[in-house]
Amino acid sequence: MEAAIAEKVRKIPTKAEIMSRHRVSTITVEEAAAYLGISIPTLRSYYLQGVLPCIRVRRGGRVLFRTKSLDDWMDKMEEDSYRTFYDIPSDVDYIE
């Protein structure tokens, strides 16, 4: 059983490998998790909650992700996190 798990883990590509095949615009759950640098359960939680854009091929079946959509989502998350820390309230005239 451990050998089967180890073999499956070895098949998950790195982000560099995914990027080298960037002409393929859709990637699997495992590849998307590796691409984003998050765990598979976290990725599943995000797309099941509707936080992360995905393509559901059939109900209860395969889920795919477009690398461009993942990049756009990461850009938005980055922009939102930047605003959280650096937005100045509108009622402030100056900062001491």
PDB file of N, CA and C in Angstrom:
ATOM      1  N   MET A   1       0.820  -1.197   0.000  1.00  0.00           N
ATOM      2  CA  MET A   1       0.000   0.000   0.000  1.00  0.00           C
ATOM      3  C   MET A   1       0.864   1.260   0.000  1.00  0.00           C
ATOM      4  N   GLU A   2       1.940   1.260   0.812  1.00  0.00           N
ATOM      5  CA  GLU A   2       2.818   2.415   0.865  1.00  0.00           C
ATOM      6  C   GLU A   2       3.482   2.656  -0.484  1.00  0.00           C
ATOM      7  N   ALA A   3       3.804   1.588  -1.182  1.00  0.00           N
ATOM      8  CA  ALA A   3       4.430   1.718  -2.495  1.00  0.00           C
ATOM      9  C   ALA A   3       3.476   2.378  -3.486  1.00  0.00           C
ATOM     10  N   ALA A   4       2.191   2.032  -3.395  1.00  0.00           N
ATOM     11  CA  ALA A   4       1.195   2.638  -4.291  1.00  0.00           C
ATOM     12  C   ALA A   4       1.047   4.121  -4.021  1.00  0.00           C
ATOM     13  N   ILE A   5       1.052   4.490  -2.731  1.00  0.00           N
ATOM     14  CA  ILE A   5       0.956   5.911  -2.364  1.00  0.00           C
ATOM     15  C   ILE A   5       2.202   6.652  -2.826  1.00  0.00           C
ATOM     16  N   ALA A   6       3.370   6.065  -2.600  1.00  0.00           N
ATOM     17  CA  ALA A   6       4.627   6.698  -3.016  1.00  0.00           C
ATOM     18  C   ALA A   6       4.661   6.884  -4.528  1.00  0.00           C
ATOM     19  N   GLU A   7       4.175   5.903  -5.269  1.00  0.00           N
ATOM     20  CA  GLU A   7       4.147   6.006  -6.735  1.00  0.00           C
ATOM     21  C   GLU A   7       3.224   7.132  -7.183  1.00  0.00           C
ATOM     22  N   LYS A   8       2.070   7.265  -6.521  1.00  0.00           N
ATOM     23  CA  LYS A   8       1.121   8.320  -6.865  1.00  0.00           C
ATOM     24  C   LYS A   8       1.713   9.698  -6.561  1.00  0.00           C
ATOM     25  N   VAL A   9       2.405   9.814  -5.428  1.00  0.00           N
ATOM     26  CA  VAL A   9       3.028  11.087  -5.060  1.00  0.00           C
ATOM     27  C   VAL A   9       4.103  11.464  -6.071  1.00  0.00           C
ATOM     28  N   ARG A  10       4.874  10.487  -6.538  1.00  0.00           N
ATOM     29  CA  ARG A  10       5.921  10.765  -7.526  1.00  0.00           C
ATOM     30  C   ARG A  10       5.358  11.259  -8.848  1.00  0.00           C
ATOM     31  N   LYS A  11       4.116  10.905  -9.163  1.00  0.00           N
ATOM     32  CA  LYS A  11       3.529  11.303 -10.439  1.00  0.00           C
ATOM     33  C   LYS A  11       3.036  12.744 -10.450  1.00  0.00           C
ATOM     34  N   ILE A  12       2.879  13.377  -9.264  1.00  0.00           N
ATOM     35  CA  ILE A  12       2.401  14.756  -9.204  1.00  0.00           C
ATOM     36  C   ILE A  12       3.523  15.672  -9.692  1.00  0.00           C
ATOM     37  N   PRO A  13       3.280  16.425 -10.754  1.00  0.00           N
ATOM     38  CA  PRO A  13       4.346  17.265 -11.316  1.00  0.00           C
ATOM     39  C   PRO A  13       4.623  18.499 -10.458  1.00  0.00           C
ATOM     40  N   THR A  14       5.812  19.017 -10.605  1.00  0.00           N
ATOM     41  CA  THR A  14       6.171  20.260  -9.929  1.00  0.00           C
ATOM     42  C   THR A  14       5.606  21.435 -10.718  1.00  0.00           C
ATOM     43  N   LYS A  15       5.630  22.615 -10.112  1.00  0.00           N
ATOM     44  CA  LYS A  15       5.136  23.808 -10.799  1.00  0.00           C
ATOM     45  C   LYS A  15       5.947  24.060 -12.072  1.00  0.00           C
ATOM     46  N   ALA A  16       7.254  23.831 -12.013  1.00  0.00           N
ATOM     47  CA  ALA A  16       8.115  24.030 -13.190  1.00  0.00           C
ATOM     48  C   ALA A  16       7.712  23.099 -14.334  1.00  0.00           C
ATOM     49  N   GLU A  17       7.386  21.855 -13.988  1.00  0.00           N
ATOM     50  CA  GLU A  17       6.949  20.910 -15.020  1.00  0.00           C
ATOM     51  C   GLU A  17       5.618  21.329 -15.626  1.00  0.00           C
ATOM     52  N   ILE A  18       4.730  21.815 -14.787  1.00  0.00           N
ATOM     53  CA  ILE A  18       3.431  22.284 -15.288  1.00  0.00           C
ATOM     54  C   ILE A  18       3.636  23.477 -16.212  1.00  0.00           C
ATOM     55  N   MET A  19       4.477  24.408 -15.794  1.00  0.00           N
ATOM     56  CA  MET A  19       4.723  25.596 -16.603  1.00  0.00           C
ATOM     57  C   MET A  19       5.395  25.237 -17.930  1.00  0.00           C
ATOM     58  N   SER A  20       6.221  24.195 -17.937  1.00  0.00           N
ATOM     59  CA  SER A  20       6.870  23.793 -19.178  1.00  0.00           C
ATOM     60  C   SER A  20       5.856  23.243 -20.178  1.00  0.00           C
ATOM     61  N   ARG A  21       4.724  22.764 -19.682  1.00  0.00           N
ATOM     62  CA  ARG A  21       3.642  22.276 -20.546  1.00  0.00           C
ATOM     63  C   ARG A  21       2.522  23.301 -20.636  1.00  0.00           C
ATOM     64  N   HIS A  22       2.828  24.561 -20.470  1.00  0.00           N
ATOM     65  CA  HIS A  22       1.815  25.610 -20.352  1.00  0.00           C
ATOM     66  C   HIS A  22       0.855  25.677 -21.536  1.00  0.00           C
ATOM     67  N   ARG A  23       1.204  25.068 -22.654  1.00  0.00           N
ATOM     68  CA  ARG A  23       0.284  25.064 -23.798  1.00  0.00           C
ATOM     69  C   ARG A  23      -0.989  24.303 -23.468  1.00  0.00           C
ATOM     70  N   VAL A  24      -0.898  23.367 -22.540  1.00  0.00           N
ATOM     71  CA  VAL A  24      -2.078  22.667 -22.062  1.00  0.00           C
ATOM     72  C   VAL A  24      -2.756  23.611 -21.088  1.00  0.00           C
ATOM     73  N   SER A  25      -3.940  24.088 -21.447  1.00  0.00           N
ATOM     74  CA  SER A  25      -4.561  25.137 -20.638  1.00  0.00           C
ATOM     75  C   SER A  25      -5.337  24.610 -19.442  1.00  0.00           C
ATOM     76  N   THR A  26      -5.630  23.314 -19.383  1.00  0.00           N
ATOM     77  CA  THR A  26      -6.333  22.773 -18.226  1.00  0.00           C
ATOM     78  C   THR A  26      -5.440  21.788 -17.489  1.00  0.00           C
ATOM     79  N   ILE A  27      -5.578  21.795 -16.161  1.00  0.00           N
ATOM     80  CA  ILE A  27      -4.797  20.887 -15.331  1.00  0.00           C
ATOM     81  C   ILE A  27      -5.723  20.222 -14.318  1.00  0.00           C
ATOM     82  N   THR A  28      -5.259  19.120 -13.754  1.00  0.00           N
ATOM     83  CA  THR A  28      -6.056  18.329 -12.819  1.00  0.00           C
ATOM     84  C   THR A  28      -5.986  18.926 -11.406  1.00  0.00           C
ATOM     85  N   VAL A  29      -6.743  18.334 -10.503  1.00  0.00           N
ATOM     86  CA  VAL A  29      -6.752  18.764  -9.105  1.00  0.00           C
ATOM     87  C   VAL A  29      -5.344  18.671  -8.514  1.00  0.00           C
ATOM     88  N   GLU A  30      -4.681  17.557  -8.720  1.00  0.00           N
ATOM     89  CA  GLU A  30      -3.341  17.352  -8.171  1.00  0.00           C
ATOM     90  C   GLU A  30      -2.366  18.377  -8.739  1.00  0.00           C
ATOM     91  N   GLU A  31      -2.439  18.599 -10.049  1.00  0.00           N
ATOM     92  CA  GLU A  31      -1.549  19.569 -10.683  1.00  0.00           C
ATOM     93  C   GLU A  31      -1.853  20.996 -10.212  1.00  0.00           C
ATOM     94  N   ALA A  32      -3.135  21.316 -10.034  1.00  0.00           N
ATOM     95  CA  ALA A  32      -3.520  22.654  -9.580  1.00  0.00           C
ATOM     96  C   ALA A  32      -3.017  22.905  -8.158  1.00  0.00           C
ATOM     97  N   ALA A  33      -3.107  21.903  -7.308  1.00  0.00           N
ATOM     98  CA  ALA A  33      -2.604  22.050  -5.939  1.00  0.00           C
ATOM     99  C   ALA A  33      -1.097  22.302  -5.957  1.00  0.00           C
ATOM    100  N   ALA A  34      -0.379  21.552  -6.781  1.00  0.00           N
ATOM    101  CA  ALA A  34       1.067  21.753  -6.896  1.00  0.00           C
ATOM    102  C   ALA A  34       1.368  23.126  -7.499  1.00  0.00           C
ATOM    103  N   TYR A  35       0.589  23.532  -8.475  1.00  0.00           N
ATOM    104  CA  TYR A  35       0.769  24.824  -9.144  1.00  0.00           C
ATOM    105  C   TYR A  35       0.603  25.983  -8.162  1.00  0.00           C
ATOM    106  N   LEU A  36      -0.406  25.879  -7.287  1.00  0.00           N
ATOM    107  CA  LEU A  36      -0.676  26.932  -6.307  1.00  0.00           C
ATOM    108  C   LEU A  36       0.166  26.804  -5.043  1.00  0.00           C
ATOM    109  N   GLY A  37       0.756  25.631  -4.836  1.00  0.00           N
ATOM    110  CA  GLY A  37       1.555  25.401  -3.641  1.00  0.00           C
ATOM    111  C   GLY A  37       0.722  25.176  -2.396  1.00  0.00           C
ATOM    112  N   ILE A  38      -0.465  24.567  -2.583  1.00  0.00           N
ATOM    113  CA  ILE A  38      -1.345  24.274  -1.449  1.00  0.00           C
ATOM    114  C   ILE A  38      -1.678  22.788  -1.464  1.00  0.00           C
ATOM    115  N   SER A  39      -2.270  22.312  -0.372  1.00  0.00           N
ATOM    116  CA  SER A  39      -2.626  20.895  -0.302  1.00  0.00           C
ATOM    117  C   SER A  39      -3.879  20.613  -1.139  1.00  0.00           C
ATOM    118  N   ILE A  40      -4.050  19.361  -1.488  1.00  0.00           N
ATOM    119  CA  ILE A  40      -5.225  18.954  -2.256  1.00  0.00           C
ATOM    120  C   ILE A  40      -6.510  19.183  -1.463  1.00  0.00           C
ATOM    121  N   PRO A  41      -6.552  18.842  -0.152  1.00  0.00           N
ATOM    122  CA  PRO A  41      -7.777  19.132   0.607  1.00  0.00           C
ATOM    123  C   PRO A  41      -8.123  20.629   0.648  1.00  0.00           C
ATOM    124  N   THR A  42      -7.115  21.484   0.760  1.00  0.00           N
ATOM    125  CA  THR A  42      -7.363  22.933   0.751  1.00  0.00           C
ATOM    126  C   THR A  42      -7.917  23.360  -0.592  1.00  0.00           C
ATOM    127  N   LEU A  43      -7.328  22.859  -1.671  1.00  0.00           N
ATOM    128  CA  LEU A  43      -7.818  23.179  -3.016  1.00  0.00           C
ATOM    129  C   LEU A  43      -9.269  22.741  -3.167  1.00  0.00           C
ATOM    130  N   ARG A  44      -9.581  21.526  -2.747  1.00  0.00           N
ATOM    131  CA  ARG A  44     -10.960  21.026  -2.852  1.00  0.00           C
ATOM    132  C   ARG A  44     -11.917  21.901  -2.050  1.00  0.00           C
ATOM    133  N   SER A  45     -11.498  22.292  -0.879  1.00  0.00           N
ATOM    134  CA  SER A  45     -12.325  23.166  -0.045  1.00  0.00           C
ATOM    135  C   SER A  45     -12.611  24.478  -0.776  1.00  0.00           C
ATOM    136  N   TYR A  46     -11.587  25.059  -1.405  1.00  0.00           N
ATOM    137  CA  TYR A  46     -11.751  26.325  -2.125  1.00  0.00           C
ATOM    138  C   TYR A  46     -12.736  26.198  -3.282  1.00  0.00           C
ATOM    139  N   TYR A  47     -12.592  25.141  -4.103  1.00  0.00           N
ATOM    140  CA  TYR A  47     -13.496  25.077  -5.258  1.00  0.00           C
ATOM    141  C   TYR A  47     -14.894  24.616  -4.871  1.00  0.00           C
ATOM    142  N   LEU A  48     -15.017  23.815  -3.815  1.00  0.00           N
ATOM    143  CA  LEU A  48     -16.359  23.418  -3.376  1.00  0.00           C
ATOM    144  C   LEU A  48     -17.128  24.587  -2.762  1.00  0.00           C
ATOM    145  N   GLN A  49     -16.404  25.531  -2.164  1.00  0.00           N
ATOM    146  CA  GLN A  49     -17.030  26.730  -1.601  1.00  0.00           C
ATOM    147  C   GLN A  49     -17.273  27.800  -2.666  1.00  0.00           C
ATOM    148  N   GLY A  50     -16.767  27.587  -3.868  1.00  0.00           N
ATOM    149  CA  GLY A  50     -16.927  28.558  -4.934  1.00  0.00           C
ATOM    150  C   GLY A  50     -15.918  29.696  -4.878  1.00  0.00           C
ATOM    151  N   VAL A  51     -14.861  29.512  -4.092  1.00  0.00           N
ATOM    152  CA  VAL A  51     -13.835  30.542  -3.958  1.00  0.00           C
ATOM    153  C   VAL A  51     -12.875  30.506  -5.139  1.00  0.00           C
ATOM    154  N   LEU A  52     -12.619  29.337  -5.649  1.00  0.00           N
ATOM    155  CA  LEU A  52     -11.634  29.127  -6.717  1.00  0.00           C
ATOM    156  C   LEU A  52     -12.348  28.700  -7.998  1.00  0.00           C
ATOM    157  N   PRO A  53     -12.030  29.337  -9.126  1.00  0.00           N
ATOM    158  CA  PRO A  53     -12.692  28.968 -10.383  1.00  0.00           C
ATOM    159  C   PRO A  53     -12.248  27.585 -10.871  1.00  0.00           C
ATOM    160  N   CYS A  54     -13.216  26.783 -11.298  1.00  0.00           N
ATOM    161  CA  CYS A  54     -12.902  25.459 -11.824  1.00  0.00           C
ATOM    162  C   CYS A  54     -13.897  25.084 -12.917  1.00  0.00           C
ATOM    163  N   ILE A  55     -13.580  24.001 -13.584  1.00  0.00           N
ATOM    164  CA  ILE A  55     -14.456  23.449 -14.618  1.00  0.00           C
ATOM    165  C   ILE A  55     -14.865  22.061 -14.151  1.00  0.00           C
ATOM    166  N   ARG A  56     -16.155  21.862 -13.938  1.00  0.00           N
ATOM    167  CA  ARG A  56     -16.640  20.537 -13.541  1.00  0.00           C
ATOM    168  C   ARG A  56     -17.110  19.825 -14.803  1.00  0.00           C
ATOM    169  N   VAL A  57     -16.378  18.793 -15.168  1.00  0.00           N
ATOM    170  CA  VAL A  57     -16.650  18.085 -16.414  1.00  0.00           C
ATOM    171  C   VAL A  57     -17.994  17.375 -16.351  1.00  0.00           C
ATOM    172  N   ARG A  58     -18.272  16.730 -15.248  1.00  0.00           N
ATOM    173  CA  ARG A  58     -19.583  16.121 -15.036  1.00  0.00           C
ATOM    174  C   ARG A  58     -19.834  16.083 -13.537  1.00  0.00           C
ATOM    175  N   ARG A  59     -21.089  16.095 -13.174  1.00  0.00           N
ATOM    176  CA  ARG A  59     -21.457  16.145 -11.754  1.00  0.00           C
ATOM    177  C   ARG A  59     -20.858  14.944 -11.009  1.00  0.00           C
ATOM    178  N   GLY A  60     -20.149  15.248  -9.925  1.00  0.00           N
ATOM    179  CA  GLY A  60     -19.520  14.204  -9.135  1.00  0.00           C
ATOM    180  C   GLY A  60     -18.306  13.583  -9.798  1.00  0.00           C
ATOM    181  N   GLY A  61     -17.880  14.152 -10.902  1.00  0.00           N
ATOM    182  CA  GLY A  61     -16.757  13.576 -11.637  1.00  0.00           C
ATOM    183  C   GLY A  61     -15.528  14.446 -11.626  1.00  0.00           C
ATOM    184  N   ARG A  62     -14.909  14.521 -12.750  1.00  0.00           N
ATOM    185  CA  ARG A  62     -13.622  15.190 -12.909  1.00  0.00           C
ATOM    186  C   ARG A  62     -13.746  16.704 -12.786  1.00  0.00           C
ATOM    187  N   VAL A  63     -12.746  17.306 -12.157  1.00  0.00           N
ATOM    188  CA  VAL A  63     -12.661  18.762 -12.021  1.00  0.00           C
ATOM    189  C   VAL A  63     -11.355  19.201 -12.647  1.00  0.00           C
ATOM    190  N   LEU A  64     -11.417  20.221 -13.487  1.00  0.00           N
ATOM    191  CA  LEU A  64     -10.229  20.754 -14.148  1.00  0.00           C
ATOM    192  C   LEU A  64     -10.093  22.239 -13.832  1.00  0.00           C
ATOM    193  N   PHE A  65      -8.891  22.747 -14.011  1.00  0.00           N
ATOM    194  CA  PHE A  65      -8.599  24.157 -13.765  1.00  0.00           C
ATOM    195  C   PHE A  65      -7.825  24.712 -14.953  1.00  0.00           C
ATOM    196  N   ARG A  66      -8.141  25.930 -15.340  1.00  0.00           N
ATOM    197  CA  ARG A  66      -7.348  26.613 -16.369  1.00  0.00           C
ATOM    198  C   ARG A  66      -6.238  27.371 -15.663  1.00  0.00           C
ATOM    199  N   THR A  67      -5.019  27.228 -16.157  1.00  0.00           N
ATOM    200  CA  THR A  67      -3.887  27.892 -15.517  1.00  0.00           C
ATOM    201  C   THR A  67      -4.066  29.408 -15.554  1.00  0.00           C
ATOM    202  N   LYS A  68      -4.650  29.939 -16.612  1.00  0.00           N
ATOM    203  CA  LYS A  68      -4.875  31.379 -16.693  1.00  0.00           C
ATOM    204  C   LYS A  68      -5.835  31.830 -15.596  1.00  0.00           C
ATOM    205  N   SER A  69      -6.893  31.061 -15.347  1.00  0.00           N
ATOM    206  CA  SER A  69      -7.843  31.407 -14.287  1.00  0.00           C
ATOM    207  C   SER A  69      -7.181  31.353 -12.916  1.00  0.00           C
ATOM    208  N   LEU A  70      -6.313  30.364 -12.709  1.00  0.00           N
ATOM    209  CA  LEU A  70      -5.595  30.279 -11.435  1.00  0.00           C
ATOM    210  C   LEU A  70      -4.665  31.476 -11.260  1.00  0.00           C
ATOM    211  N   ASP A  71      -3.986  31.862 -12.339  1.00  0.00           N
ATOM    212  CA  ASP A  71      -3.119  33.043 -12.271  1.00  0.00           C
ATOM    213  C   ASP A  71      -3.922  34.299 -11.967  1.00  0.00           C
ATOM    214  N   ASP A  72      -5.062  34.455 -12.620  1.00  0.00           N
ATOM    215  CA  ASP A  72      -5.934  35.617 -12.371  1.00  0.00           C
ATOM    216  C   ASP A  72      -6.427  35.620 -10.930  1.00  0.00           C
ATOM    217  N   TRP A  73      -6.799  34.436 -10.414  1.00  0.00           N
ATOM    218  CA  TRP A  73      -7.274  34.326  -9.041  1.00  0.00           C
ATOM    219  C   TRP A  73      -6.170  34.712  -8.057  1.00  0.00           C
ATOM    220  N   MET A  74      -4.935  34.234  -8.326  1.00  0.00           N
ATOM    221  CA  MET A  74      -3.814  34.586  -7.450  1.00  0.00           C
ATOM    222  C   MET A  74      -3.525  36.085  -7.494  1.00  0.00           C
ATOM    223  N   ASP A  75      -3.615  36.686  -8.691  1.00  0.00           N
ATOM    224  CA  ASP A  75      -3.416  38.135  -8.807  1.00  0.00           C
ATOM    225  C   ASP A  75      -4.441  38.893  -7.976  1.00  0.00           C
ATOM    226  N   LYS A  76      -5.692  38.461  -8.037  1.00  0.00           N
ATOM    227  CA  LYS A  76      -6.750  39.124  -7.263  1.00  0.00           C
ATOM    228  C   LYS A  76      -6.518  38.946  -5.764  1.00  0.00           C
ATOM    229  N   MET A  77      -6.142  37.743  -5.348  1.00  0.00           N
ATOM    230  CA  MET A  77      -5.865  37.497  -3.934  1.00  0.00           C
ATOM    231  C   MET A  77      -4.699  38.364  -3.449  1.00  0.00           C
ATOM    232  N   GLU A  78      -3.690  38.493  -4.279  1.00  0.00           N
ATOM    233  CA  GLU A  78      -2.530  39.310  -3.925  1.00  0.00           C
ATOM    234  C   GLU A  78      -2.935  40.779  -3.807  1.00  0.00           C
ATOM    235  N   GLU A  79      -3.711  41.255  -4.767  1.00  0.00           N
ATOM    236  CA  GLU A  79      -4.170  42.647  -4.749  1.00  0.00           C
ATOM    237  C   GLU A  79      -5.036  42.919  -3.525  1.00  0.00           C
ATOM    238  N   ASP A  80      -5.942  41.998  -3.214  1.00  0.00           N
ATOM    239  CA  ASP A  80      -6.816  42.171  -2.051  1.00  0.00           C
ATOM    240  C   ASP A  80      -6.016  42.183  -0.752  1.00  0.00           C
ATOM    241  N   SER A  81      -4.995  41.346  -0.647  1.00  0.00           N
ATOM    242  CA  SER A  81      -4.195  41.320   0.582  1.00  0.00           C
ATOM    243  C   SER A  81      -3.386  42.604   0.712  1.00  0.00           C
ATOM    244  N   TYR A  82      -2.926  43.143  -0.394  1.00  0.00           N
ATOM    245  CA  TYR A  82      -2.179  44.405  -0.366  1.00  0.00           C
ATOM    246  C   TYR A  82      -3.081  45.535   0.112  1.00  0.00           C
ATOM    247  N   ARG A  83      -4.295  45.594  -0.399  1.00  0.00           N
ATOM    248  CA  ARG A  83      -5.246  46.642  -0.007  1.00  0.00           C
ATOM    249  C   ARG A  83      -5.574  46.564   1.477  1.00  0.00           C
ATOM    250  N   THR A  84      -5.677  45.365   2.006  1.00  0.00           N
ATOM    251  CA  THR A  84      -6.011  45.180   3.417  1.00  0.00           C
ATOM    252  C   THR A  84      -4.983  45.872   4.315  1.00  0.00           C
ATOM    253  N   PHE A  85      -3.714  45.792   3.950  1.00  0.00           N
ATOM    254  CA  PHE A  85      -2.660  46.350   4.781  1.00  0.00           C
ATOM    255  C   PHE A  85      -2.381  47.818   4.515  1.00  0.00           C
ATOM    256  N   TYR A  86      -2.619  48.276   3.300  1.00  0.00           N
ATOM    257  CA  TYR A  86      -2.149  49.596   2.942  1.00  0.00           C
ATOM    258  C   TYR A  86      -3.219  50.621   2.602  1.00  0.00           C
ATOM    259  N   ASP A  87      -4.472  50.258   2.639  1.00  0.00           N
ATOM    260  CA  ASP A  87      -5.519  51.243   2.387  1.00  0.00           C
ATOM    261  C   ASP A  87      -5.598  52.221   3.552  1.00  0.00           C
ATOM    262  N   ILE A  88      -5.688  53.470   3.210  1.00  0.00           N
ATOM    263  CA  ILE A  88      -5.833  54.514   4.222  1.00  0.00           C
ATOM    264  C   ILE A  88      -7.311  54.889   4.288  1.00  0.00           C
ATOM    265  N   PRO A  89      -7.889  54.904   5.470  1.00  0.00           N
ATOM    266  CA  PRO A  89      -9.294  55.273   5.565  1.00  0.00           C
ATOM    267  C   PRO A  89      -9.560  56.658   4.967  1.00  0.00           C
ATOM    268  N   SER A  90     -10.729  56.846   4.395  1.00  0.00           N
ATOM    269  CA  SER A  90     -11.040  58.097   3.710  1.00  0.00           C
ATOM    270  C   SER A  90     -11.155  59.292   4.669  1.00  0.00           C
ATOM    271  N   ASP A  91     -11.395  59.032   5.955  1.00  0.00           N
ATOM    272  CA  ASP A  91     -11.536  60.139   6.902  1.00  0.00           C
ATOM    273  C   ASP A  91     -10.194  60.604   7.492  1.00  0.00           C
ATOM    274  N   VAL A  92      -9.083  59.996   7.051  1.00  0.00           N
ATOM    275  CA  VAL A  92      -7.769  60.404   7.550  1.00  0.00           C
ATOM    276  C   VAL A  92      -7.165  61.414   6.584  1.00  0.00           C
ATOM    277  N   ASP A  93      -6.794  62.592   7.122  1.00  0.00           N
ATOM    278  CA  ASP A  93      -6.193  63.637   6.290  1.00  0.00           C
ATOM    279  C   ASP A  93      -4.699  63.465   6.147  1.00  0.00           C
ATOM    280  N   TYR A  94      -4.044  62.954   7.166  1.00  0.00           N
ATOM    281  CA  TYR A  94      -2.603  62.745   7.122  1.00  0.00           C
ATOM    282  C   TYR A  94      -2.221  61.636   8.086  1.00  0.00           C
ATOM    283  N   ILE A  95      -0.993  61.154   7.921  1.00  0.00           N
ATOM    284  CA  ILE A  95      -0.503  60.107   8.794  1.00  0.00           C
ATOM    285  C   ILE A  95       0.712  60.638   9.519  1.00  0.00           C
ATOM    286  N   GLU A  96       0.725  60.514  10.849  1.00  0.00           N
ATOM    287  CA  GLU A  96       1.870  60.996  11.636  1.00  0.00           C
ATOM    288  C   GLU A  96       2.945  59.962  11.701  1.00  0.00           C
TER     289      GLU A  96
END
